[in-house]
């Protein structure tokens, strides 16, 4: 291995991954949820259909416009996702 860089950190962390697909009134949604013990109140959510992701807490769902922006969804689709996330987070 080349030594052109100084390695600052290299660790392996066990994470819990949950895959959920659901059919809303407007479209189908496929998500992966990643949680770790280091930050139990934060979840990484990956929209598998659009290859977009965010790190979010349940309180962040109150922030209007966040889901719309990050997942590039319409207001109606974002409301559907937001209501779903309130139940699973």
PDB file of N, CA and C in Angstrom:
ATOM      1  N   UNK A   1       0.844  -1.178   0.000  1.00  0.00           N
ATOM      2  CA  UNK A   1       0.000   0.000   0.000  1.00  0.00           C
ATOM      3  C   UNK A   1       0.885   1.236   0.000  1.00  0.00           C
ATOM      4  N   UNK A   2       0.516   2.200  -0.780  1.00  0.00           N
ATOM      5  CA  UNK A   2       1.258   3.449  -0.880  1.00  0.00           C
ATOM      6  C   UNK A   2       1.086   4.271   0.397  1.00  0.00           C
ATOM      7  N   UNK A   3       2.079   5.037   0.758  1.00  0.00           N
ATOM      8  CA  UNK A   3       2.006   5.881   1.955  1.00  0.00           C
ATOM      9  C   UNK A   3       1.939   7.356   1.567  1.00  0.00           C
ATOM     10  N   UNK A   4       1.142   7.688   0.582  1.00  0.00           N
ATOM     11  CA  UNK A   4       0.983   9.075   0.137  1.00  0.00           C
ATOM     12  C   UNK A   4       0.010   9.854   1.011  1.00  0.00           C
ATOM     13  N   UNK A   5      -0.539   9.224   2.007  1.00  0.00           N
ATOM     14  CA  UNK A   5      -1.493   9.893   2.880  1.00  0.00           C
ATOM     15  C   UNK A   5      -1.326   9.384   4.306  1.00  0.00           C
ATOM     16  N   UNK A   6      -1.811  10.164   5.246  1.00  0.00           N
ATOM     17  CA  UNK A   6      -1.756   9.780   6.654  1.00  0.00           C
ATOM     18  C   UNK A   6      -3.143   9.336   7.084  1.00  0.00           C
ATOM     19  N   UNK A   7      -3.281   8.100   7.465  1.00  0.00           N
ATOM     20  CA  UNK A   7      -4.560   7.549   7.898  1.00  0.00           C
ATOM     21  C   UNK A   7      -4.907   8.103   9.275  1.00  0.00           C
ATOM     22  N   UNK A   8      -6.029   8.780   9.378  1.00  0.00           N
ATOM     23  CA  UNK A   8      -6.434   9.393  10.637  1.00  0.00           C
ATOM     24  C   UNK A   8      -7.327   8.459  11.445  1.00  0.00           C
ATOM     25  N   UNK A   9      -8.254   7.795  10.770  1.00  0.00           N
ATOM     26  CA  UNK A   9      -9.175   6.913  11.478  1.00  0.00           C
ATOM     27  C   UNK A   9      -9.592   5.782  10.553  1.00  0.00           C
ATOM     28  N   UNK A  10      -9.674   4.571  11.095  1.00  0.00           N
ATOM     29  CA  UNK A  10     -10.121   3.402  10.349  1.00  0.00           C
ATOM     30  C   UNK A  10     -10.785   2.473  11.346  1.00  0.00           C
ATOM     31  N   UNK A  11     -12.103   2.471  11.386  1.00  0.00           N
ATOM     32  CA  UNK A  11     -12.819   1.628  12.335  1.00  0.00           C
ATOM     33  C   UNK A  11     -14.034   0.997  11.670  1.00  0.00           C
ATOM     34  N   UNK A  12     -14.438  -0.120  12.206  1.00  0.00           N
ATOM     35  CA  UNK A  12     -15.617  -0.819  11.721  1.00  0.00           C
ATOM     36  C   UNK A  12     -16.687  -0.716  12.797  1.00  0.00           C
ATOM     37  N   UNK A  13     -17.886  -0.302  12.377  1.00  0.00           N
ATOM     38  CA  UNK A  13     -18.996  -0.125  13.307  1.00  0.00           C
ATOM     39  C   UNK A  13     -20.155  -0.994  12.835  1.00  0.00           C
ATOM     40  N   UNK A  14     -20.807  -1.658  13.772  1.00  0.00           N
ATOM     41  CA  UNK A  14     -21.973  -2.461  13.446  1.00  0.00           C
ATOM     42  C   UNK A  14     -23.195  -1.558  13.400  1.00  0.00           C
ATOM     43  N   UNK A  15     -23.944  -1.678  12.330  1.00  0.00           N
ATOM     44  CA  UNK A  15     -25.142  -0.863  12.154  1.00  0.00           C
ATOM     45  C   UNK A  15     -26.339  -1.772  11.931  1.00  0.00           C
ATOM     46  N   UNK A  16     -27.495  -1.275  12.309  1.00  0.00           N
ATOM     47  CA  UNK A  16     -28.752  -1.984  12.077  1.00  0.00           C
ATOM     48  C   UNK A  16     -29.367  -1.408  10.800  1.00  0.00           C
ATOM     49  N   UNK A  17     -29.667  -2.271   9.834  1.00  0.00           N
ATOM     50  CA  UNK A  17     -30.252  -1.833   8.566  1.00  0.00           C
ATOM     51  C   UNK A  17     -31.637  -2.460   8.424  1.00  0.00           C
ATOM     52  N   UNK A  18     -32.603  -1.629   8.066  1.00  0.00           N
ATOM     53  CA  UNK A  18     -33.985  -2.077   7.876  1.00  0.00           C
ATOM     54  C   UNK A  18     -34.445  -1.594   6.508  1.00  0.00           C
ATOM     55  N   UNK A  19     -35.016  -2.491   5.706  1.00  0.00           N
ATOM     56  CA  UNK A  19     -35.538  -2.138   4.392  1.00  0.00           C
ATOM     57  C   UNK A  19     -37.053  -2.169   4.459  1.00  0.00           C
ATOM     58  N   UNK A  20     -37.675  -1.085   3.982  1.00  0.00           N
ATOM     59  CA  UNK A  20     -39.131  -1.010   3.955  1.00  0.00           C
ATOM     60  C   UNK A  20     -39.573  -0.485   2.597  1.00  0.00           C
ATOM     61  N   UNK A  21     -40.507  -1.184   1.991  1.00  0.00           N
ATOM     62  CA  UNK A  21     -41.163  -0.715   0.771  1.00  0.00           C
ATOM     63  C   UNK A  21     -42.644  -0.586   1.088  1.00  0.00           C
ATOM     64  N   UNK A  22     -43.255   0.474   0.603  1.00  0.00           N
ATOM     65  CA  UNK A  22     -44.689   0.619   0.804  1.00  0.00           C
ATOM     66  C   UNK A  22     -45.302   1.340  -0.379  1.00  0.00           C
ATOM     67  N   UNK A  23     -46.574   1.093  -0.575  1.00  0.00           N
ATOM     68  CA  UNK A  23     -47.326   1.746  -1.644  1.00  0.00           C
ATOM     69  C   UNK A  23     -48.187   2.818  -1.018  1.00  0.00           C
ATOM     70  N   UNK A  24     -47.926   4.057  -1.387  1.00  0.00           N
ATOM     71  CA  UNK A  24     -48.735   5.166  -0.914  1.00  0.00           C
ATOM     72  C   UNK A  24     -49.891   5.405  -1.870  1.00  0.00           C
ATOM     73  N   UNK A  25     -50.582   6.505  -1.691  1.00  0.00           N
ATOM     74  CA  UNK A  25     -51.670   6.857  -2.595  1.00  0.00           C
ATOM     75  C   UNK A  25     -51.146   7.340  -3.940  1.00  0.00           C
ATOM     76  N   UNK A  26     -49.902   7.830  -3.968  1.00  0.00           N
ATOM     77  CA  UNK A  26     -49.356   8.441  -5.178  1.00  0.00           C
ATOM     78  C   UNK A  26     -48.337   7.575  -5.903  1.00  0.00           C
ATOM     79  N   UNK A  27     -47.537   6.804  -5.165  1.00  0.00           N
ATOM     80  CA  UNK A  27     -46.503   5.976  -5.784  1.00  0.00           C
ATOM     81  C   UNK A  27     -45.964   4.974  -4.781  1.00  0.00           C
ATOM     82  N   UNK A  28     -45.065   4.130  -5.263  1.00  0.00           N
ATOM     83  CA  UNK A  28     -44.367   3.169  -4.410  1.00  0.00           C
ATOM     84  C   UNK A  28     -43.084   3.830  -3.896  1.00  0.00           C
ATOM     85  N   UNK A  29     -42.734   3.504  -2.641  1.00  0.00           N
ATOM     86  CA  UNK A  29     -41.537   4.035  -2.016  1.00  0.00           C
ATOM     87  C   UNK A  29     -40.698   2.871  -1.490  1.00  0.00           C
ATOM     88  N   UNK A  30     -39.394   2.954  -1.680  1.00  0.00           N
ATOM     89  CA  UNK A  30     -38.463   1.948  -1.181  1.00  0.00           C
ATOM     90  C   UNK A  30     -37.354   2.661  -0.407  1.00  0.00           C
ATOM     91  N   UNK A  31     -37.240   2.320   0.871  1.00  0.00           N
ATOM     92  CA  UNK A  31     -36.277   2.977   1.737  1.00  0.00           C
ATOM     93  C   UNK A  31     -35.403   1.971   2.465  1.00  0.00           C
ATOM     94  N   UNK A  32     -34.201   2.410   2.800  1.00  0.00           N
ATOM     95  CA  UNK A  32     -33.320   1.696   3.721  1.00  0.00           C
ATOM     96  C   UNK A  32     -33.094   2.626   4.907  1.00  0.00           C
ATOM     97  N   UNK A  33     -33.189   2.079   6.101  1.00  0.00           N
ATOM     98  CA  UNK A  33     -32.987   2.832   7.333  1.00  0.00           C
ATOM     99  C   UNK A  33     -31.769   2.263   8.034  1.00  0.00           C
ATOM    100  N   UNK A  34     -30.806   3.117   8.363  1.00  0.00           N
ATOM    101  CA  UNK A  34     -29.576   2.682   9.009  1.00  0.00           C
ATOM    102  C   UNK A  34     -29.465   3.378  10.353  1.00  0.00           C
ATOM    103  N   UNK A  35     -29.324   2.574  11.408  1.00  0.00           N
ATOM    104  CA  UNK A  35     -29.179   3.109  12.758  1.00  0.00           C
ATOM    105  C   UNK A  35     -27.933   2.537  13.398  1.00  0.00           C
ATOM    106  N   UNK A  36     -27.298   3.350  14.230  1.00  0.00           N
ATOM    107  CA  UNK A  36     -26.125   2.884  14.970  1.00  0.00           C
ATOM    108  C   UNK A  36     -26.299   3.197  16.448  1.00  0.00           C
ATOM    109  N   UNK A  37     -25.544   2.504  17.260  1.00  0.00           N
ATOM    110  CA  UNK A  37     -25.602   2.736  18.700  1.00  0.00           C
ATOM    111  C   UNK A  37     -24.950   4.053  19.089  1.00  0.00           C
ATOM    112  N   UNK A  38     -24.061   4.573  18.244  1.00  0.00           N
ATOM    113  CA  UNK A  38     -23.361   5.819  18.541  1.00  0.00           C
ATOM    114  C   UNK A  38     -24.316   7.022  18.550  1.00  0.00           C
ATOM    115  N   UNK A  39     -25.287   7.035  17.659  1.00  0.00           N
ATOM    116  CA  UNK A  39     -26.283   8.119  17.577  1.00  0.00           C
ATOM    117  C   UNK A  39     -27.666   7.499  17.499  1.00  0.00           C
ATOM    118  N   UNK A  40     -28.213   7.045  18.618  1.00  0.00           N
ATOM    119  CA  UNK A  40     -29.483   6.316  18.575  1.00  0.00           C
ATOM    120  C   UNK A  40     -30.689   7.158  18.145  1.00  0.00           C
ATOM    121  N   UNK A  41     -30.610   8.485  18.264  1.00  0.00           N
ATOM    122  CA  UNK A  41     -31.755   9.313  17.884  1.00  0.00           C
ATOM    123  C   UNK A  41     -31.708   9.733  16.414  1.00  0.00           C
ATOM    124  N   UNK A  42     -30.606   9.450  15.715  1.00  0.00           N
ATOM    125  CA  UNK A  42     -30.477   9.801  14.304  1.00  0.00           C
ATOM    126  C   UNK A  42     -30.555   8.544  13.447  1.00  0.00           C
ATOM    127  N   UNK A  43     -31.200   8.684  12.307  1.00  0.00           N
ATOM    128  CA  UNK A  43     -31.334   7.583  11.356  1.00  0.00           C
ATOM    129  C   UNK A  43     -30.904   8.072   9.987  1.00  0.00           C
ATOM    130  N   UNK A  44     -30.122   7.278   9.292  1.00  0.00           N
ATOM    131  CA  UNK A  44     -29.806   7.569   7.897  1.00  0.00           C
ATOM    132  C   UNK A  44     -30.893   6.902   7.072  1.00  0.00           C
ATOM    133  N   UNK A  45     -31.558   7.694   6.255  1.00  0.00           N
ATOM    134  CA  UNK A  45     -32.626   7.183   5.401  1.00  0.00           C
ATOM    135  C   UNK A  45     -32.174   7.305   3.960  1.00  0.00           C
ATOM    136  N   UNK A  46     -32.231   6.192   3.238  1.00  0.00           N
ATOM    137  CA  UNK A  46     -31.855   6.170   1.827  1.00  0.00           C
ATOM    138  C   UNK A  46     -33.096   5.871   1.002  1.00  0.00           C
ATOM    139  N   UNK A  47     -33.404   6.770   0.071  1.00  0.00           N
ATOM    140  CA  UNK A  47     -34.477   6.530  -0.890  1.00  0.00           C
ATOM    141  C   UNK A  47     -33.853   5.693  -2.006  1.00  0.00           C
ATOM    142  N   UNK A  48     -34.154   4.399  -2.025  1.00  0.00           N
ATOM    143  CA  UNK A  48     -33.507   3.478  -2.952  1.00  0.00           C
ATOM    144  C   UNK A  48     -33.929   3.692  -4.401  1.00  0.00           C
ATOM    145  N   UNK A  49     -35.081   4.277  -4.626  1.00  0.00           N
ATOM    146  CA  UNK A  49     -35.555   4.505  -5.992  1.00  0.00           C
ATOM    147  C   UNK A  49     -34.899   5.730  -6.626  1.00  0.00           C
ATOM    148  N   UNK A  50     -34.505   6.687  -5.796  1.00  0.00           N
ATOM    149  CA  UNK A  50     -33.927   7.929  -6.319  1.00  0.00           C
ATOM    150  C   UNK A  50     -32.458   8.115  -5.953  1.00  0.00           C
ATOM    151  N   UNK A  51     -31.892   7.159  -5.199  1.00  0.00           N
ATOM    152  CA  UNK A  51     -30.497   7.252  -4.770  1.00  0.00           C
ATOM    153  C   UNK A  51     -30.204   8.562  -4.043  1.00  0.00           C
ATOM    154  N   UNK A  52     -31.074   8.933  -3.141  1.00  0.00           N
ATOM    155  CA  UNK A  52     -30.908  10.136  -2.327  1.00  0.00           C
ATOM    156  C   UNK A  52     -30.958   9.701  -0.866  1.00  0.00           C
ATOM    157  N   UNK A  53     -30.238  10.429   0.005  1.00  0.00           N
ATOM    158  CA  UNK A  53     -30.216  10.047   1.413  1.00  0.00           C
ATOM    159  C   UNK A  53     -30.120  11.266   2.305  1.00  0.00           C
ATOM    160  N   UNK A  54     -30.453  11.043   3.580  1.00  0.00           N
ATOM    161  CA  UNK A  54     -30.337  12.085   4.597  1.00  0.00           C
ATOM    162  C   UNK A  54     -30.152  11.428   5.957  1.00  0.00           C
ATOM    163  N   UNK A  55     -29.598  12.183   6.874  1.00  0.00           N
ATOM    164  CA  UNK A  55     -29.541  11.786   8.277  1.00  0.00           C
ATOM    165  C   UNK A  55     -30.585  12.631   8.986  1.00  0.00           C
ATOM    166  N   UNK A  56     -31.481  11.984   9.703  1.00  0.00           N
ATOM    167  CA  UNK A  56     -32.648  12.707  10.216  1.00  0.00           C
ATOM    168  C   UNK A  56     -33.035  12.185  11.595  1.00  0.00           C
ATOM    169  N   UNK A  57     -33.670  13.059  12.364  1.00  0.00           N
ATOM    170  CA  UNK A  57     -34.291  12.673  13.630  1.00  0.00           C
ATOM    171  C   UNK A  57     -35.797  12.840  13.468  1.00  0.00           C
ATOM    172  N   UNK A  58     -36.534  12.307  14.401  1.00  0.00           N
ATOM    173  CA  UNK A  58     -37.991  12.434  14.337  1.00  0.00           C
ATOM    174  C   UNK A  58     -38.411  13.909  14.407  1.00  0.00           C
ATOM    175  N   UNK A  59     -37.660  14.714  15.151  1.00  0.00           N
ATOM    176  CA  UNK A  59     -37.973  16.137  15.263  1.00  0.00           C
ATOM    177  C   UNK A  59     -37.763  16.868  13.932  1.00  0.00           C
ATOM    178  N   UNK A  60     -36.826  16.399  13.118  1.00  0.00           N
ATOM    179  CA  UNK A  60     -36.559  17.020  11.818  1.00  0.00           C
ATOM    180  C   UNK A  60     -37.740  16.910  10.860  1.00  0.00           C
ATOM    181  N   UNK A  61     -38.643  15.984  11.117  1.00  0.00           N
ATOM    182  CA  UNK A  61     -39.800  15.814  10.227  1.00  0.00           C
ATOM    183  C   UNK A  61     -40.730  17.023  10.266  1.00  0.00           C
ATOM    184  N   UNK A  62     -40.622  17.834  11.307  1.00  0.00           N
ATOM    185  CA  UNK A  62     -41.444  19.039  11.415  1.00  0.00           C
ATOM    186  C   UNK A  62     -40.968  20.136  10.471  1.00  0.00           C
ATOM    187  N   UNK A  63     -39.747  20.014   9.998  1.00  0.00           N
ATOM    188  CA  UNK A  63     -39.134  21.014   9.122  1.00  0.00           C
ATOM    189  C   UNK A  63     -39.716  20.891   7.713  1.00  0.00           C
ATOM    190  N   UNK A  64     -40.714  21.724   7.409  1.00  0.00           N
ATOM    191  CA  UNK A  64     -41.356  21.694   6.087  1.00  0.00           C
ATOM    192  C   UNK A  64     -40.335  22.043   5.021  1.00  0.00           C
ATOM    193  N   UNK A  65     -40.349  21.282   3.959  1.00  0.00           N
ATOM    194  CA  UNK A  65     -39.445  21.529   2.855  1.00  0.00           C
ATOM    195  C   UNK A  65     -38.227  20.631   2.850  1.00  0.00           C
ATOM    196  N   UNK A  66     -37.911  20.033   3.976  1.00  0.00           N
ATOM    197  CA  UNK A  66     -36.711  19.192   4.047  1.00  0.00           C
ATOM    198  C   UNK A  66     -36.870  17.912   3.224  1.00  0.00           C
ATOM    199  N   UNK A  67     -37.955  17.195   3.431  1.00  0.00           N
ATOM    200  CA  UNK A  67     -38.195  15.964   2.674  1.00  0.00           C
ATOM    201  C   UNK A  67     -38.344  16.292   1.193  1.00  0.00           C
ATOM    202  N   UNK A  68     -39.058  17.359   0.893  1.00  0.00           N
ATOM    203  CA  UNK A  68     -39.254  17.770  -0.501  1.00  0.00           C
ATOM    204  C   UNK A  68     -37.903  18.007  -1.185  1.00  0.00           C
ATOM    205  N   UNK A  69     -37.030  18.706  -0.500  1.00  0.00           N
ATOM    206  CA  UNK A  69     -35.734  19.059  -1.072  1.00  0.00           C
ATOM    207  C   UNK A  69     -34.796  17.849  -1.192  1.00  0.00           C
ATOM    208  N   UNK A  70     -34.635  17.126  -0.115  1.00  0.00           N
ATOM    209  CA  UNK A  70     -33.652  16.041  -0.095  1.00  0.00           C
ATOM    210  C   UNK A  70     -34.037  14.898  -1.035  1.00  0.00           C
ATOM    211  N   UNK A  71     -35.307  14.492  -0.989  1.00  0.00           N
ATOM    212  CA  UNK A  71     -35.731  13.370  -1.822  1.00  0.00           C
ATOM    213  C   UNK A  71     -36.310  13.811  -3.165  1.00  0.00           C
ATOM    214  N   UNK A  72     -36.331  15.104  -3.415  1.00  0.00           N
ATOM    215  CA  UNK A  72     -36.852  15.677  -4.662  1.00  0.00           C
ATOM    216  C   UNK A  72     -38.261  15.168  -4.957  1.00  0.00           C
ATOM    217  N   UNK A  73     -39.148  15.406  -4.001  1.00  0.00           N
ATOM    218  CA  UNK A  73     -40.539  14.982  -4.103  1.00  0.00           C
ATOM    219  C   UNK A  73     -41.454  16.208  -4.114  1.00  0.00           C
ATOM    220  N   UNK A  74     -42.654  16.024  -4.638  1.00  0.00           N
ATOM    221  CA  UNK A  74     -43.653  17.087  -4.597  1.00  0.00           C
ATOM    222  C   UNK A  74     -44.140  17.230  -3.158  1.00  0.00           C
ATOM    223  N   UNK A  75     -44.886  18.290  -2.876  1.00  0.00           N
ATOM    224  CA  UNK A  75     -45.419  18.493  -1.529  1.00  0.00           C
ATOM    225  C   UNK A  75     -46.318  17.333  -1.101  1.00  0.00           C
ATOM    226  N   UNK A  76     -47.143  16.848  -2.010  1.00  0.00           N
ATOM    227  CA  UNK A  76     -48.059  15.746  -1.680  1.00  0.00           C
ATOM    228  C   UNK A  76     -47.283  14.454  -1.399  1.00  0.00           C
ATOM    229  N   UNK A  77     -46.280  14.162  -2.211  1.00  0.00           N
ATOM    230  CA  UNK A  77     -45.467  12.966  -2.001  1.00  0.00           C
ATOM    231  C   UNK A  77     -44.675  13.082  -0.701  1.00  0.00           C
ATOM    232  N   UNK A  78     -44.137  14.251  -0.435  1.00  0.00           N
ATOM    233  CA  UNK A  78     -43.372  14.470   0.793  1.00  0.00           C
ATOM    234  C   UNK A  78     -44.265  14.311   2.020  1.00  0.00           C
ATOM    235  N   UNK A  79     -45.506  14.763   1.947  1.00  0.00           N
ATOM    236  CA  UNK A  79     -46.436  14.574   3.064  1.00  0.00           C
ATOM    237  C   UNK A  79     -46.688  13.093   3.315  1.00  0.00           C
ATOM    238  N   UNK A  80     -46.806  12.334   2.236  1.00  0.00           N
ATOM    239  CA  UNK A  80     -47.005  10.894   2.354  1.00  0.00           C
ATOM    240  C   UNK A  80     -45.795  10.237   3.023  1.00  0.00           C
ATOM    241  N   UNK A  81     -44.607  10.621   2.609  1.00  0.00           N
ATOM    242  CA  UNK A  81     -43.376  10.089   3.199  1.00  0.00           C
ATOM    243  C   UNK A  81     -43.255  10.528   4.653  1.00  0.00           C
ATOM    244  N   UNK A  82     -43.521  11.787   4.915  1.00  0.00           N
ATOM    245  CA  UNK A  82     -43.416  12.338   6.273  1.00  0.00           C
ATOM    246  C   UNK A  82     -44.351  11.586   7.226  1.00  0.00           C
ATOM    247  N   UNK A  83     -45.587  11.356   6.816  1.00  0.00           N
ATOM    248  CA  UNK A  83     -46.543  10.629   7.663  1.00  0.00           C
ATOM    249  C   UNK A  83     -46.067   9.208   7.925  1.00  0.00           C
ATOM    250  N   UNK A  84     -45.496   8.567   6.921  1.00  0.00           N
ATOM    251  CA  UNK A  84     -44.950   7.221   7.081  1.00  0.00           C
ATOM    252  C   UNK A  84     -43.770   7.233   8.056  1.00  0.00           C
ATOM    253  N   UNK A  85     -42.860   8.183   7.888  1.00  0.00           N
ATOM    254  CA  UNK A  85     -41.671   8.243   8.732  1.00  0.00           C
ATOM    255  C   UNK A  85     -42.023   8.504  10.193  1.00  0.00           C
ATOM    256  N   UNK A  86     -43.070   9.258  10.435  1.00  0.00           N
ATOM    257  CA  UNK A  86     -43.486   9.518  11.820  1.00  0.00           C
ATOM    258  C   UNK A  86     -43.833   8.225  12.532  1.00  0.00           C
ATOM    259  N   UNK A  87     -44.317   7.226  11.775  1.00  0.00           N
ATOM    260  CA  UNK A  87     -44.695   5.954  12.370  1.00  0.00           C
ATOM    261  C   UNK A  87     -43.505   5.014  12.572  1.00  0.00           C
ATOM    262  N   UNK A  88     -42.513   5.067  11.686  1.00  0.00           N
ATOM    263  CA  UNK A  88     -41.430   4.080  11.746  1.00  0.00           C
ATOM    264  C   UNK A  88     -40.166   4.572  12.452  1.00  0.00           C
ATOM    265  N   UNK A  89     -40.009   5.868  12.634  1.00  0.00           N
ATOM    266  CA  UNK A  89     -38.801   6.365  13.316  1.00  0.00           C
ATOM    267  C   UNK A  89     -38.976   6.298  14.822  1.00  0.00           C
TER     268      UNK A  89
END
